[in-house]
Protein backbone atom coordinates (compact mmCIF):
# COMPACT_ATOMS: atom_id res chain seq x y z
CA MET A 1 129.02 284.71 70.05
CA ILE A 2 127.62 287.60 67.99
CA TRP A 3 131.09 288.20 66.51
CA LEU A 4 131.35 284.54 65.46
CA HIS A 5 127.93 284.68 63.82
CA ALA A 6 128.99 287.84 61.95
CA ILE A 7 132.17 286.17 60.67
CA LEU A 8 130.47 282.90 59.65
CA LYS A 9 127.82 284.64 57.56
CA ASN A 10 130.15 287.24 56.02
CA ARG A 11 130.09 286.73 52.23
CA LEU A 12 133.81 287.42 51.81
CA PHE A 13 134.55 284.82 54.48
CA LEU A 14 132.19 282.34 52.79
CA TRP A 15 133.96 282.87 49.45
CA MET A 16 137.35 282.38 51.10
CA LEU A 17 136.11 279.20 52.79
CA LEU A 18 134.71 277.92 49.50
CA ILE A 19 138.01 278.51 47.68
CA ILE A 20 140.06 276.87 50.45
CA ASN A 21 137.74 273.85 50.43
CA ILE A 22 137.83 273.57 46.64
CA PHE A 23 141.64 273.45 46.69
CA GLY A 24 141.61 271.04 49.64
CA THR A 25 139.15 268.80 47.81
CA ILE A 26 141.30 268.77 44.68
CA TYR A 27 144.43 268.01 46.74
CA GLY A 28 142.54 265.22 48.50
CA TYR A 29 141.48 263.53 45.27
CA ILE A 30 145.08 263.78 44.02
CA TRP A 31 146.28 262.21 47.31
CA TYR A 32 143.97 259.22 46.60
CA ASP A 33 145.03 258.91 42.96
CA SER A 34 147.31 255.86 43.38
CA GLN A 35 144.68 254.02 45.41
CA LEU A 36 141.90 254.93 42.96
CA ARG A 37 143.92 253.52 40.06
CA VAL A 38 143.70 250.01 41.56
CA THR A 39 140.16 250.31 42.95
CA PRO A 40 137.35 248.50 41.07
CA LEU A 41 134.89 250.91 39.46
CA GLU A 42 131.98 250.02 41.77
CA PHE A 43 133.98 251.10 44.85
CA LYS A 44 135.67 254.25 43.48
CA ILE A 45 133.06 256.70 44.80
CA PHE A 46 133.59 255.40 48.36
CA VAL A 47 137.39 255.47 48.48
CA PRO A 48 138.30 259.19 48.67
CA ASP A 49 136.61 259.80 52.02
CA SER A 50 137.96 263.18 53.12
CA PRO A 51 137.86 264.97 49.77
CA THR A 52 134.28 263.82 49.26
CA ALA A 53 133.42 265.21 52.70
CA SER A 54 134.97 268.56 51.80
CA LEU A 55 133.16 268.43 48.43
CA PHE A 56 129.88 268.14 50.34
CA PHE A 57 130.91 271.23 52.30
CA CYS A 58 131.67 273.08 49.06
CA PHE A 59 128.04 272.49 48.04
CA ILE A 60 126.87 273.73 51.47
CA ILE A 61 128.85 276.97 51.15
CA LEU A 62 127.78 277.44 47.52
CA ALA A 63 124.15 277.09 48.61
CA PHE A 64 124.68 279.67 51.37
CA LEU A 65 126.20 282.08 48.85
CA LEU A 66 123.11 281.59 46.67
CA GLY A 67 120.85 282.26 49.67
CA ARG A 68 119.73 278.63 49.79
CA ASN A 69 120.00 275.49 51.88
CA TRP A 70 120.68 272.05 50.44
CA PRO A 71 119.88 269.89 53.49
CA ILE A 72 121.04 266.54 52.07
CA PHE A 73 124.52 268.01 51.58
CA GLU A 74 124.30 269.58 55.03
CA ALA A 75 123.61 266.20 56.64
CA LEU A 76 126.27 264.44 54.55
CA GLY A 77 128.66 267.29 55.24
CA ILE A 78 128.42 267.48 59.02
CA ILE A 79 128.59 263.69 59.45
CA THR A 80 131.47 263.07 57.05
CA LEU A 81 133.46 266.21 57.89
CA PHE A 82 133.38 265.37 61.58
CA LYS A 83 134.03 261.67 61.02
CA TYR A 84 136.92 261.92 58.57
CA GLY A 85 138.32 265.02 60.23
CA ILE A 86 138.64 263.21 63.56
CA TRP A 87 139.64 259.94 61.88
CA ALA A 88 142.61 261.49 60.05
CA VAL A 89 143.84 263.25 63.19
CA VAL A 90 143.69 259.97 65.14
CA MET A 91 145.38 257.96 62.34
CA ASN A 92 148.23 260.46 62.10
CA LEU A 93 148.67 260.44 65.88
CA LEU A 94 148.69 256.63 65.76
CA THR A 95 151.29 256.75 62.96
CA LEU A 96 153.41 259.05 65.13
CA ARG A 97 153.07 256.61 68.03
CA VAL A 98 153.95 253.54 65.92
CA ASN A 99 156.81 255.11 63.93
CA GLY A 100 158.14 257.53 66.52
CA TYR A 101 157.98 260.36 63.97
CA LEU A 102 155.58 261.96 61.53
CA PRO A 103 156.57 263.73 58.31
CA TRP A 104 155.44 267.34 57.84
CA GLU A 105 152.58 266.16 55.61
CA GLY A 106 151.14 264.27 58.59
CA TYR A 107 151.03 267.45 60.67
CA MET A 108 149.49 269.33 57.74
CA LEU A 109 146.86 266.59 57.40
CA MET A 110 146.08 266.79 61.14
CA ALA A 111 145.60 270.58 60.96
CA SER A 112 143.49 270.50 57.79
CA HIS A 113 141.35 267.57 58.92
CA GLY A 114 140.89 269.04 62.38
CA ALA A 115 139.60 272.18 60.62
CA MET A 116 137.26 270.00 58.55
CA ALA A 117 135.66 268.59 61.69
CA VAL A 118 135.27 272.06 63.21
CA GLN A 119 133.82 273.81 60.14
CA GLY A 120 131.09 271.23 59.65
CA VAL A 121 129.89 271.71 63.21
CA LEU A 122 130.39 275.51 63.26
CA TYR A 123 127.92 276.00 60.42
CA SER A 124 125.37 273.51 61.76
CA GLY A 125 123.19 276.28 63.22
CA TYR A 126 122.45 277.40 59.66
CA TYR A 127 121.51 273.94 58.36
CA ARG A 128 117.92 272.95 57.64
CA VAL A 129 118.32 269.20 58.04
CA LYS A 130 115.32 266.95 58.63
CA ILE A 131 115.41 263.43 60.08
CA TRP A 132 115.15 261.78 56.65
CA HIS A 133 118.31 263.65 55.56
CA ILE A 134 120.13 262.21 58.57
CA VAL A 135 118.86 258.71 57.71
CA VAL A 136 120.14 258.97 54.11
CA ALA A 137 123.49 260.42 55.23
CA SER A 138 123.78 257.67 57.87
CA ILE A 139 123.21 254.95 55.30
CA TRP A 140 125.89 256.51 53.06
CA THR A 141 128.34 256.73 55.98
CA LEU A 142 127.80 253.22 57.34
CA HIS A 143 127.82 251.76 53.83
CA ASN A 144 131.17 253.47 53.32
CA ASP A 145 132.48 251.70 56.44
CA VAL A 146 131.44 248.37 54.89
CA ILE A 147 133.27 249.22 51.65
CA ASP A 148 136.34 250.25 53.66
CA TYR A 149 136.57 247.41 56.17
CA VAL A 150 134.62 244.49 54.67
CA PHE A 151 135.68 244.96 51.04
CA MET A 152 139.04 246.36 52.25
CA HIS A 153 139.14 249.68 50.40
CA TYR A 154 140.09 251.78 53.44
CA PRO A 155 142.59 254.68 53.20
CA VAL A 156 146.09 253.22 53.13
CA TYR A 157 148.45 254.03 56.00
CA PRO A 158 151.28 251.49 55.49
CA SER A 159 152.61 251.65 59.05
CA LEU A 160 149.13 250.88 60.43
CA ALA A 161 148.54 247.73 58.36
CA LEU A 162 148.68 245.51 61.47
CA PHE A 163 145.80 247.42 63.09
CA VAL A 164 143.15 247.26 60.35
CA LYS A 165 140.59 245.38 62.47
CA GLU A 166 140.98 247.79 65.37
CA ILE A 167 140.83 250.78 63.02
CA GLY A 168 137.66 249.37 61.42
CA TYR A 169 136.09 248.95 64.86
CA PHE A 170 137.08 252.49 65.86
CA THR A 171 135.75 253.84 62.55
CA PHE A 172 132.35 252.17 63.04
CA TRP A 173 131.92 253.82 66.45
CA LEU A 174 133.21 257.12 65.10
CA SER A 175 130.52 256.91 62.40
CA LEU A 176 127.84 256.45 65.05
CA ALA A 177 129.24 259.34 67.08
CA SER A 178 129.25 261.53 63.96
CA ILE A 179 125.61 260.66 63.25
CA LEU A 180 124.75 261.56 66.86
CA ILE A 181 126.64 264.87 66.47
CA CYS A 182 124.58 265.58 63.36
CA TYR A 183 121.35 264.82 65.19
CA ILE A 184 122.21 266.97 68.20
CA PHE A 185 123.49 269.95 66.21
CA THR A 186 120.74 269.94 63.59
CA GLN A 187 117.70 268.81 65.59
CA ARG A 188 118.36 269.87 69.19
CA THR A 189 119.93 273.31 68.82
CA ARG A 190 118.50 276.67 67.78
CA ARG A 191 118.42 277.43 64.05
CA LEU A 192 120.19 280.60 62.88
CA GLU A 193 119.53 282.79 59.84
CA LEU A 194 122.33 283.27 57.32
């Protein structure tokens, strides 16, 4: 694991990761553009789930490059990166199951979102999250589920429209699992120095 630690804290690698996540974040906000155009102002911040998660990670990496920790972004990052990373992989697999095929963009989304979930957890040893950060990030995450599945501003997958209740139920439990992942990886594992 020494080699992994050396790679993760390498400044060139951190810069590369920051640039990749900036471009991924921009692409993600563009992907949500049509949905954001019809979303009421008070819900807009909660609609682009994945790009906001990768934006949190951009702040985490920027802080590392500055020799700092920004724990609120670390808590928001690990929870939302894991949650929306896994969520997008599952939704694209479900789309493949329902439709019998998946366009190339679906496979690209599975790879990029799978990487989102992994990167948030991989860097967790360097986070300096306290319980109150987890509480705030949990409120944000569960509130987002309410906006998505009570106020019906969830990410649109047209072929999955018949499964919205089931997807909402799955998403709630995925949120709780993501919060637990955050707790375990930030409170129950050894802290590393960057």
